[in-house]
Amino acid sequence: MIHASLVCRGCFGTLYAVTTICAPAARLPTWEVDHDHTPTPCPLRPLLPLQGVAAHVYELPEATRVLSEPA
């Protein structure tokens, strides 16, 4: 599943988010969030990609620092 329209707080560039569920018994998906295209100087680049297991993309570690607020 690909998450729609996420924006980086550091450079206002577009981010992609991909989720996978490795096993049918897995309760939470695994996420990866990163820039669609690496922007020139994004101050948050060291925090990306965001990766982890969470119910929602905004629950990932550092998500509040990197992701714009949901619409």
C-alpha atoms as a PDB file:
ATOM      1  CA  MET A   1       0.000   0.000   0.000  1.00  0.00           C
ATOM      2  CA  ILE A   2       1.290   3.489  -0.824  1.00  0.00           C
ATOM      3  CA  HIS A   3       0.264   6.366   1.433  1.00  0.00           C
ATOM      4  CA  ALA A   4      -0.993   9.546  -0.228  1.00  0.00           C
ATOM      5  CA  SER A   5       0.553  13.026  -0.051  1.00  0.00           C
ATOM      6  CA  LEU A   6       3.069  13.323   2.736  1.00  0.00           C
ATOM      7  CA  VAL A   7       5.206  16.451   2.903  1.00  0.00           C
ATOM      8  CA  CYS A   8       8.599  16.873   4.570  1.00  0.00           C
ATOM      9  CA  ARG A   9       8.733  19.571   7.270  1.00  0.00           C
ATOM     10  CA  GLY A  10      12.377  20.318   6.456  1.00  0.00           C
ATOM     11  CA  CYS A  11      12.241  21.026   2.726  1.00  0.00           C
ATOM     12  CA  PHE A  12       8.508  20.797   1.885  1.00  0.00           C
ATOM     13  CA  GLY A  13       9.349  18.053  -0.615  1.00  0.00           C
ATOM     14  CA  THR A  14       7.060  15.127  -1.356  1.00  0.00           C
ATOM     15  CA  LEU A  15       7.619  11.944   0.631  1.00  0.00           C
ATOM     16  CA  TYR A  16       6.571   8.411  -0.224  1.00  0.00           C
ATOM     17  CA  ALA A  17       5.347   5.909   2.335  1.00  0.00           C
ATOM     18  CA  VAL A  18       5.166   2.190   1.683  1.00  0.00           C
ATOM     19  CA  THR A  19       3.658  -0.376   4.022  1.00  0.00           C
ATOM     20  CA  THR A  20       4.033  -4.112   4.007  1.00  0.00           C
ATOM     21  CA  ILE A  21       2.584  -6.839   6.147  1.00  0.00           C
ATOM     22  CA  CYS A  22       5.115  -9.652   6.255  1.00  0.00           C
ATOM     23  CA  ALA A  23       2.831 -12.336   7.640  1.00  0.00           C
ATOM     24  CA  PRO A  24      -0.940 -12.708   7.786  1.00  0.00           C
ATOM     25  CA  ALA A  25      -0.730 -12.924  11.585  1.00  0.00           C
ATOM     26  CA  ALA A  26       1.203  -9.642  11.831  1.00  0.00           C
ATOM     27  CA  ARG A  27      -0.833  -7.087  13.714  1.00  0.00           C
ATOM     28  CA  LEU A  28       0.985  -3.970  12.512  1.00  0.00           C
ATOM     29  CA  PRO A  29       2.471  -3.066   9.140  1.00  0.00           C
ATOM     30  CA  THR A  30       6.107  -2.248   8.508  1.00  0.00           C
ATOM     31  CA  TRP A  31       6.640   1.256   7.113  1.00  0.00           C
ATOM     32  CA  GLU A  32       9.279   3.005   5.036  1.00  0.00           C
ATOM     33  CA  VAL A  33       9.041   6.765   4.413  1.00  0.00           C
ATOM     34  CA  ASP A  34      11.533   8.796   2.375  1.00  0.00           C
ATOM     35  CA  HIS A  35      11.810  11.623  -0.159  1.00  0.00           C
ATOM     36  CA  ASP A  36      10.425  10.912  -3.621  1.00  0.00           C
ATOM     37  CA  HIS A  37      13.470  12.700  -5.010  1.00  0.00           C
ATOM     38  CA  THR A  38      16.335  13.756  -2.796  1.00  0.00           C
ATOM     39  CA  PRO A  39      16.031  17.520  -2.441  1.00  0.00           C
ATOM     40  CA  THR A  40      19.147  19.613  -2.439  1.00  0.00           C
ATOM     41  CA  PRO A  41      19.629  20.741   1.148  1.00  0.00           C
ATOM     42  CA  CYS A  42      16.984  19.089   3.328  1.00  0.00           C
ATOM     43  CA  PRO A  43      17.907  19.637   6.981  1.00  0.00           C
ATOM     44  CA  LEU A  44      16.001  16.482   7.965  1.00  0.00           C
ATOM     45  CA  ARG A  45      17.818  14.159   5.547  1.00  0.00           C
ATOM     46  CA  PRO A  46      19.701  12.422   8.402  1.00  0.00           C
ATOM     47  CA  LEU A  47      16.358  11.277   9.860  1.00  0.00           C
ATOM     48  CA  LEU A  48      15.230   9.590   6.648  1.00  0.00           C
ATOM     49  CA  PRO A  49      14.233   7.018   5.731  1.00  0.00           C
ATOM     50  CA  LEU A  50      11.780   6.570   8.578  1.00  0.00           C
ATOM     51  CA  GLN A  51      11.327   2.860   9.114  1.00  0.00           C
ATOM     52  CA  GLY A  52       9.479   0.824  11.650  1.00  0.00           C
ATOM     53  CA  VAL A  53       6.381  -1.025  12.711  1.00  0.00           C
ATOM     54  CA  ALA A  54       3.326   1.062  13.568  1.00  0.00           C
ATOM     55  CA  ALA A  55      -0.427   1.159  13.082  1.00  0.00           C
ATOM     56  CA  HIS A  56      -0.179   4.471  11.221  1.00  0.00           C
ATOM     57  CA  VAL A  57       2.622   6.392   9.504  1.00  0.00           C
ATOM     58  CA  TYR A  58       2.324   9.243  12.037  1.00  0.00           C
ATOM     59  CA  GLU A  59       3.186   6.794  14.856  1.00  0.00           C
ATOM     60  CA  LEU A  60       6.700   6.070  13.558  1.00  0.00           C
ATOM     61  CA  PRO A  61       9.666   7.315  15.592  1.00  0.00           C
ATOM     62  CA  GLU A  62      10.580  10.886  14.547  1.00  0.00           C
ATOM     63  CA  ALA A  63       7.402  11.185  12.434  1.00  0.00           C
ATOM     64  CA  THR A  64       6.329  14.363  14.235  1.00  0.00           C
ATOM     65  CA  ARG A  65       9.680  15.953  13.363  1.00  0.00           C
ATOM     66  CA  VAL A  66       9.652  14.919   9.706  1.00  0.00           C
ATOM     67  CA  LEU A  67       6.061  14.650   8.463  1.00  0.00           C
ATOM     68  CA  SER A  68       3.737  17.569   7.874  1.00  0.00           C
ATOM     69  CA  GLU A  69       0.446  17.554   9.746  1.00  0.00           C
ATOM     70  CA  PRO A  70      -2.268  15.362   8.227  1.00  0.00           C
ATOM     71  CA  ALA A  71      -4.838  17.215   6.128  1.00  0.00           C
END
